Protein backbone atom coordinates (compact mmCIF):
# COMPACT_ATOMS: atom_id res chain seq x y z
CA MET A 1 -3.03 -12.36 11.15
CA ARG A 2 -6.54 -12.92 12.55
CA LEU A 3 -7.78 -16.32 11.45
CA LEU A 4 -11.40 -17.45 11.89
CA ILE A 5 -11.95 -21.20 11.39
CA VAL A 6 -15.49 -22.25 10.51
CA GLY A 7 -16.58 -25.87 11.05
CA THR A 8 -14.91 -28.94 12.54
CA LEU A 9 -14.30 -31.55 9.80
CA SER A 10 -13.97 -34.40 12.28
CA GLY A 11 -11.46 -32.54 14.39
CA GLN A 12 -8.94 -32.07 11.57
CA LEU A 13 -9.39 -28.30 11.63
CA SER A 14 -8.22 -28.35 15.24
CA THR A 15 -4.87 -29.59 13.96
CA ALA A 16 -4.88 -26.80 11.38
CA THR A 17 -5.68 -24.34 14.17
CA LYS A 18 -2.62 -25.38 16.16
CA MET A 19 -0.41 -25.11 13.08
CA ALA A 20 -1.75 -21.62 12.35
CA MET A 21 -1.17 -20.51 15.93
CA ASP A 22 2.38 -21.87 15.78
CA LYS A 23 2.90 -19.54 12.80
CA GLY A 24 1.73 -16.52 14.83
CA ALA A 25 -1.94 -16.35 13.81
CA ARG A 26 -4.61 -15.34 16.34
CA VAL A 27 -7.30 -17.96 15.90
CA THR A 28 -11.04 -18.01 16.65
CA GLN A 29 -13.32 -20.92 15.80
CA THR A 30 -17.03 -21.11 15.04
CA GLN A 31 -19.16 -24.01 13.81
CA THR A 32 -22.03 -22.51 11.82
CA ILE A 33 -22.73 -19.66 9.42
CA GLU A 34 -24.87 -17.90 12.01
CA SER A 35 -22.22 -18.12 14.75
CA THR A 36 -19.65 -16.87 12.23
CA LEU A 37 -21.78 -13.85 11.37
CA LYS A 38 -22.41 -13.18 15.06
CA THR A 39 -18.67 -13.22 15.77
CA LEU A 40 -17.95 -10.81 12.92
CA ARG A 41 -20.86 -8.52 13.85
CA LEU A 42 -19.40 -8.18 17.35
CA GLY A 43 -16.22 -6.69 15.95
CA LYS A 44 -14.06 -9.80 16.32
CA GLY A 45 -12.74 -9.26 12.83
CA ALA A 46 -10.78 -11.69 10.69
CA ASP A 47 -8.19 -11.35 7.96
CA LEU A 48 -8.98 -14.85 6.67
CA LEU A 49 -11.76 -17.42 7.02
CA MET A 50 -10.74 -21.08 6.83
CA VAL A 51 -14.00 -22.93 6.12
CA ASP A 52 -14.96 -26.60 6.20
CA VAL A 53 -16.39 -27.57 2.79
CA ALA A 54 -19.32 -29.14 4.63
CA ILE A 55 -20.43 -25.57 5.30
CA ASN A 56 -22.48 -23.97 2.50
CA ILE A 57 -19.74 -21.61 1.30
CA ALA A 58 -21.93 -19.92 -1.33
CA GLU A 59 -24.51 -19.08 1.34
CA LEU A 60 -21.81 -17.86 3.72
CA ILE A 61 -20.36 -15.55 1.07
CA ALA A 62 -23.81 -14.25 0.15
CA GLN A 63 -24.58 -13.41 3.79
CA LEU A 64 -21.20 -11.75 4.26
CA GLU A 65 -21.82 -9.64 1.16
CA ALA A 66 -25.29 -8.69 2.40
CA GLU A 67 -23.71 -7.30 5.57
CA HIS A 68 -20.78 -5.63 3.77
CA ILE A 69 -18.26 -7.91 5.49
CA HIS A 70 -15.30 -8.43 3.17
CA VAL A 71 -12.84 -11.17 4.10
CA PRO A 72 -11.08 -13.80 1.94
CA ILE A 73 -12.13 -17.43 2.32
CA VAL A 74 -10.00 -20.57 2.06
CA ALA A 75 -11.91 -23.87 1.89
CA CYS A 76 -10.70 -27.06 3.62
CA GLY A 77 -11.72 -30.65 3.00
CA ILE A 78 -10.47 -34.21 2.83
CA ASP A 79 -7.81 -34.53 0.15
CA ASN A 80 -9.80 -36.81 -2.19
CA ASP A 81 -12.96 -34.70 -2.28
CA THR A 82 -12.40 -33.17 -5.72
CA ARG A 83 -16.03 -32.20 -6.29
CA ALA A 84 -16.13 -30.26 -2.99
CA ALA A 85 -12.91 -28.46 -3.92
CA VAL A 86 -14.26 -27.38 -7.31
CA ASN A 87 -17.57 -26.24 -5.83
CA ALA A 88 -15.79 -24.24 -3.14
CA ILE A 89 -13.66 -22.35 -5.68
CA ARG A 90 -16.68 -21.72 -7.90
CA SER A 91 -18.56 -20.38 -4.90
CA GLY A 92 -15.87 -17.76 -4.30
CA ALA A 93 -13.21 -19.37 -2.08
CA LYS A 94 -9.73 -18.12 -2.92
CA GLU A 95 -7.94 -21.42 -2.29
CA TYR A 96 -8.59 -25.04 -1.30
CA ILE A 97 -6.48 -26.80 1.36
CA PRO A 98 -6.64 -30.61 1.50
CA LEU A 99 -6.79 -32.24 4.92
CA PRO A 100 -5.12 -33.73 6.93
CA PRO A 101 -3.31 -30.39 6.91
CA ASP A 102 0.30 -29.87 5.97
CA ALA A 103 2.13 -27.42 8.22
CA GLU A 104 4.07 -25.82 5.35
CA LEU A 105 0.91 -25.39 3.27
CA ILE A 106 -0.94 -23.75 6.17
CA ALA A 107 2.00 -21.40 6.70
CA ALA A 108 2.19 -20.58 2.98
CA VAL A 109 -1.52 -19.74 2.75
CA ILE A 110 -1.40 -17.52 5.82
CA GLN A 111 1.68 -15.76 4.50
CA ALA A 112 0.13 -15.30 1.04
CA VAL A 113 -3.05 -13.76 2.44
CA ALA A 114 -1.08 -11.57 4.85
CA ASN A 115 1.07 -10.24 2.00
CA GLU A 116 -1.60 -10.21 -0.72
CA SER A 117 -1.96 -6.46 -0.99
CA HIS A 118 1.07 -5.41 1.00
CA ALA A 119 3.64 -5.46 -1.79
CA PHE A 120 5.13 -1.99 -2.00
CA ILE A 121 7.40 -1.97 -5.03
CA PHE A 122 9.28 1.15 -6.06
CA ARG A 123 12.55 2.11 -7.76
CA ASP A 124 11.95 5.72 -8.80
CA ASP A 125 13.41 8.65 -6.86
CA ALA A 126 9.97 10.32 -6.71
CA MET A 127 8.58 7.37 -4.76
CA ALA A 128 11.73 6.99 -2.69
CA ALA A 129 11.24 10.53 -1.34
CA LEU A 130 7.60 9.77 -0.53
CA VAL A 131 8.50 6.54 1.27
CA GLU A 132 11.16 8.35 3.30
CA LEU A 133 8.51 10.81 4.52
CA ALA A 134 6.11 7.92 5.20
CA ASN A 135 8.72 6.15 7.32
CA GLN A 136 9.28 9.35 9.29
CA ILE A 137 5.63 9.86 10.22
CA ALA A 138 4.49 6.23 10.47
CA PRO A 139 5.31 5.76 14.20
CA SER A 140 3.16 8.75 15.22
CA ASP A 141 -0.59 8.74 15.75
CA ALA A 142 -1.11 11.76 13.48
CA SER A 143 -3.96 11.58 10.97
CA ILE A 144 -2.70 11.21 7.41
CA LEU A 145 -4.33 12.16 4.11
CA ILE A 146 -3.09 10.20 1.08
CA THR A 147 -3.95 11.76 -2.26
CA GLY A 148 -3.34 10.75 -5.85
CA ASN A 149 -5.10 9.62 -8.99
CA SER A 150 -7.12 6.40 -9.05
CA GLY A 151 -4.97 3.31 -9.23
CA THR A 152 -1.76 4.85 -7.89
CA GLY A 153 -1.65 2.65 -4.78
CA LYS A 154 -3.15 4.77 -2.01
CA GLU A 155 -4.49 1.80 -0.05
CA VAL A 156 -1.18 -0.05 -0.41
CA LEU A 157 0.62 2.97 1.08
CA ALA A 158 -1.93 3.11 3.92
CA LYS A 159 -1.20 -0.54 4.79
CA TYR A 160 2.51 0.18 4.63
CA LEU A 161 2.09 3.03 7.14
CA HIS A 162 0.15 0.72 9.47
CA ARG A 163 2.84 -1.98 9.32
CA LYS A 164 5.48 0.62 10.19
CA SER A 165 3.46 2.10 13.06
CA ARG A 166 3.31 1.24 16.76
CA ARG A 167 -0.13 -0.24 16.04
CA ALA A 168 1.17 -2.85 13.59
CA ASP A 169 0.03 -5.77 15.74
CA ARG A 170 -3.48 -4.34 16.00
CA PRO A 171 -6.26 -4.36 13.35
CA PHE A 172 -6.08 -2.50 10.06
CA ILE A 173 -9.67 -1.86 8.94
CA SER A 174 -10.61 -0.32 5.59
CA VAL A 175 -13.90 1.29 4.58
CA ASN A 176 -14.51 2.27 0.95
CA CYS A 177 -16.77 5.31 1.30
CA ALA A 178 -17.56 5.21 -2.44
CA ALA A 179 -18.65 1.56 -2.54
CA ILE A 180 -21.20 1.60 0.29
CA PRO A 181 -24.63 3.16 -0.31
CA GLU A 182 -25.06 6.47 1.50
CA ASN A 183 -27.91 5.22 3.70
CA LEU A 184 -25.78 2.31 4.96
CA LEU A 185 -22.44 4.05 5.48
CA GLU A 186 -23.28 5.48 8.91
CA SER A 187 -24.15 2.02 10.23
CA GLU A 188 -21.04 0.60 8.58
CA LEU A 189 -18.83 3.13 10.35
CA PHE A 190 -20.47 3.42 13.76
CA GLY A 191 -22.50 0.22 14.07
CA HIS A 192 -26.07 -0.18 15.27
CA GLU A 193 -28.17 -1.77 17.97
CA LYS A 194 -30.82 -4.37 17.31
CA GLY A 195 -34.01 -2.69 16.08
CA ALA A 196 -32.32 0.62 15.30
CA PHE A 197 -33.89 0.56 11.84
CA THR A 198 -35.77 -1.83 9.57
CA GLY A 199 -33.55 -4.83 8.93
CA ALA A 200 -31.35 -4.33 12.02
CA ILE A 201 -31.91 -7.87 13.27
CA ALA A 202 -28.94 -7.87 15.67
CA ARG A 203 -26.34 -5.58 17.15
CA ARG A 204 -23.58 -4.81 14.64
CA ILE A 205 -20.21 -3.42 15.66
CA GLY A 206 -19.04 -0.71 13.25
CA LYS A 207 -15.63 -0.23 11.70
CA PHE A 208 -14.57 2.33 14.30
CA GLU A 209 -14.96 -0.21 17.08
CA GLU A 210 -13.52 -3.04 15.00
CA ALA A 211 -10.39 -0.94 14.43
CA ASN A 212 -10.03 -0.12 18.13
CA GLY A 213 -6.34 -0.01 19.05
CA GLY A 214 -5.34 -0.06 15.37
CA THR A 215 -5.79 1.91 12.16
CA LEU A 216 -8.96 2.88 10.30
CA LEU A 217 -8.63 3.67 6.60
CA LEU A 218 -11.38 5.86 5.15
CA ASP A 219 -10.89 5.16 1.46
CA GLU A 220 -12.15 7.79 -1.01
CA ILE A 221 -13.46 9.98 1.79
CA SER A 222 -14.42 12.72 -0.69
CA GLU A 223 -17.42 10.55 -1.63
CA MET A 224 -18.92 10.81 1.88
CA ASP A 225 -22.08 12.88 2.24
CA VAL A 226 -21.62 16.21 4.03
CA SER A 227 -24.25 15.34 6.67
CA LEU A 228 -22.25 12.28 7.75
CA GLN A 229 -19.00 14.26 7.75
CA ALA A 230 -20.19 16.13 10.86
CA LYS A 231 -20.55 12.88 12.81
CA LEU A 232 -17.20 11.71 11.53
CA LEU A 233 -15.57 14.95 12.71
CA ARG A 234 -16.93 14.43 16.23
CA ALA A 235 -15.65 10.86 16.29
CA ILE A 236 -12.16 11.97 15.25
CA GLN A 237 -12.05 14.92 17.64
CA GLU A 238 -13.48 13.27 20.74
CA ARG A 239 -12.53 9.64 20.02
CA VAL A 240 -16.07 8.49 20.86
CA ILE A 241 -18.79 7.15 18.58
CA ASP A 242 -22.53 6.62 18.89
CA ARG A 243 -24.02 3.44 17.51
CA LEU A 244 -27.31 3.93 15.69
CA GLY A 245 -29.99 3.29 18.31
CA GLY A 246 -27.38 3.33 21.08
CA ARG A 247 -27.90 4.95 24.46
CA LYS A 248 -24.35 5.90 25.41
CA PRO A 249 -21.14 6.93 23.61
CA VAL A 250 -18.49 4.28 22.98
CA PRO A 251 -14.82 5.32 23.35
CA VAL A 252 -12.39 4.27 20.60
CA ASP A 253 -8.61 4.43 20.24
CA ILE A 254 -7.71 4.55 16.56
CA ARG A 255 -5.40 6.19 14.07
CA ILE A 256 -7.15 7.66 11.02
CA ILE A 257 -5.80 7.45 7.48
CA ALA A 258 -7.94 8.87 4.66
CA THR A 259 -7.50 8.75 0.89
CA SER A 260 -8.93 10.81 -1.93
CA ASN A 261 -8.45 11.05 -5.68
CA ARG A 262 -9.98 14.54 -5.64
CA ASN A 263 -8.56 17.90 -4.59
CA LEU A 264 -10.27 18.34 -1.20
CA THR A 265 -9.49 22.05 -1.06
CA GLU A 266 -11.53 22.47 -4.23
CA GLU A 267 -14.27 20.26 -2.78
CA VAL A 268 -14.39 22.55 0.28
CA ALA A 269 -14.82 25.57 -1.99
CA LYS A 270 -17.71 23.80 -3.76
CA GLY A 271 -19.40 23.01 -0.45
CA ASN A 272 -18.93 19.26 -0.87
CA PHE A 273 -16.47 18.79 1.99
CA ARG A 274 -16.22 20.30 5.45
CA GLU A 275 -13.23 22.55 5.95
CA ASP A 276 -12.85 21.63 9.63
CA LEU A 277 -12.82 17.93 8.75
CA LEU A 278 -10.12 18.54 6.14
CA TYR A 279 -7.96 20.23 8.79
CA ARG A 280 -8.42 17.25 11.11
CA LEU A 281 -7.49 14.73 8.45
CA ASN A 282 -4.74 16.63 6.70
CA VAL A 283 -2.14 16.74 9.50
CA VAL A 284 0.27 15.19 6.98
CA ASN A 285 -0.42 14.88 3.26
CA LEU A 286 1.25 12.15 1.22
CA LYS A 287 0.65 12.71 -2.49
CA ILE A 288 1.42 9.69 -4.67
CA PRO A 289 2.65 10.65 -8.15
CA SER A 290 1.01 9.08 -11.20
CA LEU A 291 2.79 6.07 -12.66
CA ARG A 292 3.92 8.05 -15.73
CA GLU A 293 5.72 10.42 -13.33
CA ARG A 294 7.82 7.57 -11.89
CA PRO A 295 8.99 5.65 -14.97
CA ARG A 296 11.60 3.55 -13.13
CA ASP A 297 8.77 1.89 -11.17
CA ILE A 298 7.02 0.57 -14.27
CA GLU A 299 9.35 -2.31 -15.09
CA ALA A 300 9.84 -3.28 -11.44
CA LEU A 301 6.07 -3.44 -10.91
CA ALA A 302 5.54 -5.33 -14.17
CA ILE A 303 8.02 -8.03 -13.13
CA HIS A 304 6.36 -8.26 -9.71
CA PHE A 305 2.90 -8.75 -11.27
CA ILE A 306 4.22 -11.34 -13.75
CA LYS A 307 5.51 -13.47 -10.89
CA LYS A 308 2.35 -12.95 -8.84
CA TYR A 309 -0.06 -14.07 -11.57
CA ALA A 310 2.19 -16.81 -12.94
CA ASP A 311 2.39 -18.35 -9.46
CA SER A 312 -1.34 -18.02 -8.78
CA ASN A 313 -2.26 -19.61 -12.13
CA GLY A 314 0.35 -22.37 -12.11
CA LEU A 315 2.15 -20.90 -15.14
CA PRO A 316 5.88 -20.39 -15.79
CA VAL A 317 7.39 -16.98 -15.02
CA ARG A 318 8.27 -15.67 -18.48
CA PRO A 319 10.63 -12.69 -19.01
CA LEU A 320 9.64 -9.52 -20.81
CA SER A 321 11.01 -9.05 -24.31
CA THR A 322 13.07 -5.94 -25.07
CA ASP A 323 10.24 -4.51 -27.20
CA ALA A 324 7.72 -5.20 -24.44
CA ARG A 325 9.86 -3.32 -21.91
CA GLN A 326 10.01 -0.33 -24.24
CA GLN A 327 6.25 -0.49 -24.81
CA LEU A 328 5.60 -0.54 -21.07
CA THR A 329 7.78 2.48 -20.29
CA SER A 330 6.36 4.53 -23.18
CA ASN A 331 2.73 3.91 -22.22
CA PRO A 332 1.11 6.87 -20.36
CA TRP A 333 -0.82 4.48 -18.04
CA PRO A 334 -3.90 6.62 -17.37
CA GLY A 335 -5.14 3.87 -15.01
CA ASN A 336 -1.80 3.88 -13.17
CA VAL A 337 -0.63 0.82 -11.22
CA ARG A 338 -4.06 -0.79 -11.36
CA GLU A 339 -4.04 -0.65 -15.17
CA LEU A 340 -0.48 -2.01 -15.29
CA GLU A 341 -1.44 -4.88 -13.00
CA ASN A 342 -4.44 -5.82 -15.16
CA THR A 343 -2.28 -5.63 -18.29
CA MET A 344 0.35 -7.97 -16.84
CA HIS A 345 -2.32 -10.33 -15.52
CA ARG A 346 -3.75 -10.61 -19.03
CA ALA A 347 -0.27 -10.99 -20.55
CA VAL A 348 0.59 -13.87 -18.22
CA LEU A 349 -2.64 -15.67 -19.14
CA LEU A 350 -2.35 -15.14 -22.90
CA THR A 351 1.38 -15.64 -23.56
CA THR A 352 2.36 -19.03 -25.00
CA SER A 353 5.90 -18.21 -26.23
CA ASP A 354 9.12 -18.21 -24.21
CA GLU A 355 8.83 -14.52 -23.35
CA ILE A 356 6.13 -11.89 -22.99
CA GLY A 357 6.08 -9.81 -26.14
CA VAL A 358 4.48 -6.56 -27.24
CA GLU A 359 1.42 -8.34 -28.62
CA ALA A 360 0.58 -9.72 -25.16
CA ILE A 361 0.61 -6.37 -23.39
CA ARG A 362 -1.37 -4.46 -25.97
CA SER A 363 -5.15 -4.49 -25.66
CA PRO A 364 -6.18 -7.55 -27.70
CA ASP A 365 -8.49 -7.01 -30.66
CA GLY A 366 -11.53 -9.03 -31.56
CA ASN A 367 -9.87 -11.03 -34.39
CA ARG A 368 -7.02 -12.07 -32.12
CA LEU A 369 -9.47 -13.14 -29.42
CA GLU A 370 -11.67 -15.15 -31.77
CA GLU A 371 -8.54 -16.86 -33.06
CA MET A 372 -7.57 -17.75 -29.47
CA ILE A 373 -10.96 -19.34 -28.82
CA SER A 374 -10.96 -21.24 -32.12
CA THR A 375 -7.50 -22.65 -31.40
CA GLY A 376 -8.50 -23.93 -27.99
CA ASN A 377 -7.71 -21.08 -25.62
CA HIS A 378 -10.86 -21.20 -23.48
CA GLY A 379 -9.45 -19.48 -20.41
CA PRO A 380 -11.73 -17.10 -18.53
CA ALA A 381 -9.68 -14.07 -19.58
CA ALA A 382 -10.06 -14.90 -23.26
CA GLN A 383 -13.76 -15.68 -22.95
CA ALA A 384 -14.48 -12.49 -21.03
CA ALA A 385 -12.56 -10.45 -23.58
CA VAL A 386 -14.54 -12.05 -26.41
CA ALA A 387 -17.72 -11.11 -24.58
CA ALA A 388 -16.47 -7.55 -24.39
CA GLU A 389 -15.71 -7.56 -28.10
CA ALA A 390 -19.19 -8.86 -28.93
CA ILE A 391 -20.71 -6.05 -26.90
CA SER A 392 -18.50 -3.43 -28.57
CA ARG A 393 -20.01 -4.29 -31.95
CA SER A 394 -23.40 -2.97 -30.85
CA LEU A 395 -22.47 0.08 -28.82
CA VAL A 396 -24.23 2.74 -30.86
CA GLY A 397 -27.45 3.96 -29.27
CA ARG A 398 -26.69 2.46 -25.84
CA THR A 399 -25.68 4.19 -22.62
CA VAL A 400 -22.39 3.60 -20.85
CA ALA A 401 -24.29 2.09 -17.91
CA GLN A 402 -26.00 -0.44 -20.21
CA VAL A 403 -22.72 -1.47 -21.82
CA GLU A 404 -21.04 -1.76 -18.42
CA GLN A 405 -23.89 -3.90 -17.07
CA ASP A 406 -23.70 -6.32 -20.00
CA LEU A 407 -19.93 -6.62 -19.76
CA ILE A 408 -20.04 -7.32 -16.03
CA LEU A 409 -22.79 -9.93 -16.31
CA GLN A 410 -21.23 -11.62 -19.35
CA THR A 411 -17.89 -11.86 -17.55
CA LEU A 412 -19.57 -13.24 -14.44
CA ASP A 413 -21.30 -15.88 -16.58
CA HIS A 414 -17.98 -16.99 -18.02
CA CYS A 415 -16.52 -17.21 -14.52
CA LEU A 416 -19.46 -19.33 -13.34
CA GLY A 417 -20.48 -16.65 -10.88
CA ASN A 418 -17.06 -16.40 -9.18
CA ARG A 419 -16.93 -12.77 -8.04
CA THR A 420 -13.19 -12.71 -7.34
CA HIS A 421 -12.20 -14.04 -10.77
CA ALA A 422 -14.64 -11.73 -12.55
CA ALA A 423 -13.35 -8.66 -10.69
CA ASN A 424 -9.74 -9.53 -11.63
CA ILE A 425 -10.66 -9.87 -15.29
CA LEU A 426 -12.72 -6.68 -15.33
CA GLY A 427 -9.99 -4.71 -13.57
CA ILE A 428 -12.21 -3.51 -10.73
CA SER A 429 -12.18 -4.18 -7.01
CA ILE A 430 -14.29 -7.00 -5.61
CA ARG A 431 -16.16 -4.42 -3.54
CA THR A 432 -17.05 -2.39 -6.62
CA LEU A 433 -18.26 -5.53 -8.40
CA ARG A 434 -20.41 -6.60 -5.46
CA ASN A 435 -21.91 -3.12 -5.23
CA LYS A 436 -22.79 -3.17 -8.94
CA LEU A 437 -24.36 -6.63 -8.67
CA ARG A 438 -26.38 -5.56 -5.66
CA LEU A 439 -27.78 -2.62 -7.64
CA TYR A 440 -28.63 -4.91 -10.57
CA GLY A 441 -30.38 -7.37 -8.25
CA ASP A 442 -32.36 -4.59 -6.59
CA GLY A 443 -33.49 -3.52 -10.05
CA GLY A 444 -34.84 -6.98 -10.83
CA ILE A 445 -31.98 -7.98 -13.15
CA PRO A 446 -30.97 -11.68 -12.80
CA VAL A 447 -27.47 -12.06 -11.35
CA PRO A 448 -25.74 -15.49 -11.44
CA ASN A 449 -25.01 -17.03 -8.06
CA PRO A 450 -21.57 -18.53 -7.35
CA GLY A 451 -21.20 -21.71 -9.39
CA GLU A 452 -23.96 -20.74 -11.83
CA GLN A 453 -24.58 -18.99 -15.13
CA ARG A 454 -27.67 -17.05 -16.11
CA PRO A 455 -30.11 -19.07 -18.24
CA MET A 456 -29.70 -18.51 -21.96
CA ALA A 457 -32.35 -16.35 -23.62
CA VAL A 458 -34.84 -18.39 -25.62
């Protein structure tokens, strides 16, 4: 765990630092937003930022997003500063820790962040065979290609391979090739020197250098432009990279894992993917079966997600009814594990009885949602779903992109600009949401800042 502490808070964060180090975290400390950005630009990555509420957290998050730096934030402040705690969460912080710090709370937060996306739950024989192969190849440095439909858990498997490798104590760095605009991806991967292009105000260490000694995940690599694939091939073959505007090659020691939801052999035939790059990446192929092909995993994953979202929302862990279990296993789950997770998240939020029934795991209809609001259920999930229902009533004559834009912005309004909460409700990754919002902003469409809603039309 790489922990970056931002601020001082009258020395109380120093105590938190010692507690974190006692729990095995590698800790760096900065005092301002600019020094934080400088540290991250130089490749001193972090798995978690612990930020003094005196720091402008909304501004910090906005600047991190502008530079495509994705790292969870936990806010810290004196225990009676309720307003600061609320503002921090609305701005996008994942948690709030009151100070003076409690050693057990610090340890719990670090553990929760470390394990947040590491859960690898399986019961089915099809997955057991895949995991056995993964365990066999994990200790090597061979490049691995993980394939499978969207939502099957490719990134989770990649993290599992890293934790089982000889590089487990070194960085695991992920780059979503589909979420970063084509003209920025080269800089994101290889870094740049100050002045290399318009807007390059300082040297930026790329993901290859940040992952040095560890593992680099190239997520959805099939989305990478062919022209950039040639530079990627050289980096993998020679283990050296060239920063944009740089004068000399930089050596790197990394293990490459790539994922794709497309058939790369077919993409090669179409001219969309380099054959020599495919050979370099595909030393071992791990193909994750769709969720409907591993039915024994469905209930185990559902129970895992129920506990996860009950705990995170301060709700009781309710069991699944017999009918709900049957409904889950008979569903084809076209969205795979991601769809199942979103379904169970919604079920946890909406269930008020002693157990989770069929009605909670089915997609709620508009009448049910309006009834929830009228009877006092004003939770963000219900409000966002009502917004979706309102939009669905006027779909005819509108494009998918227009409907998607309205749904995203309505949901963000109901979450008071909190990107993390909105992404969970929408069932998309935070990176995808940020990329969409950036496109809207570039097109002159108002986007609510953290803690805000868009002004109502007059």
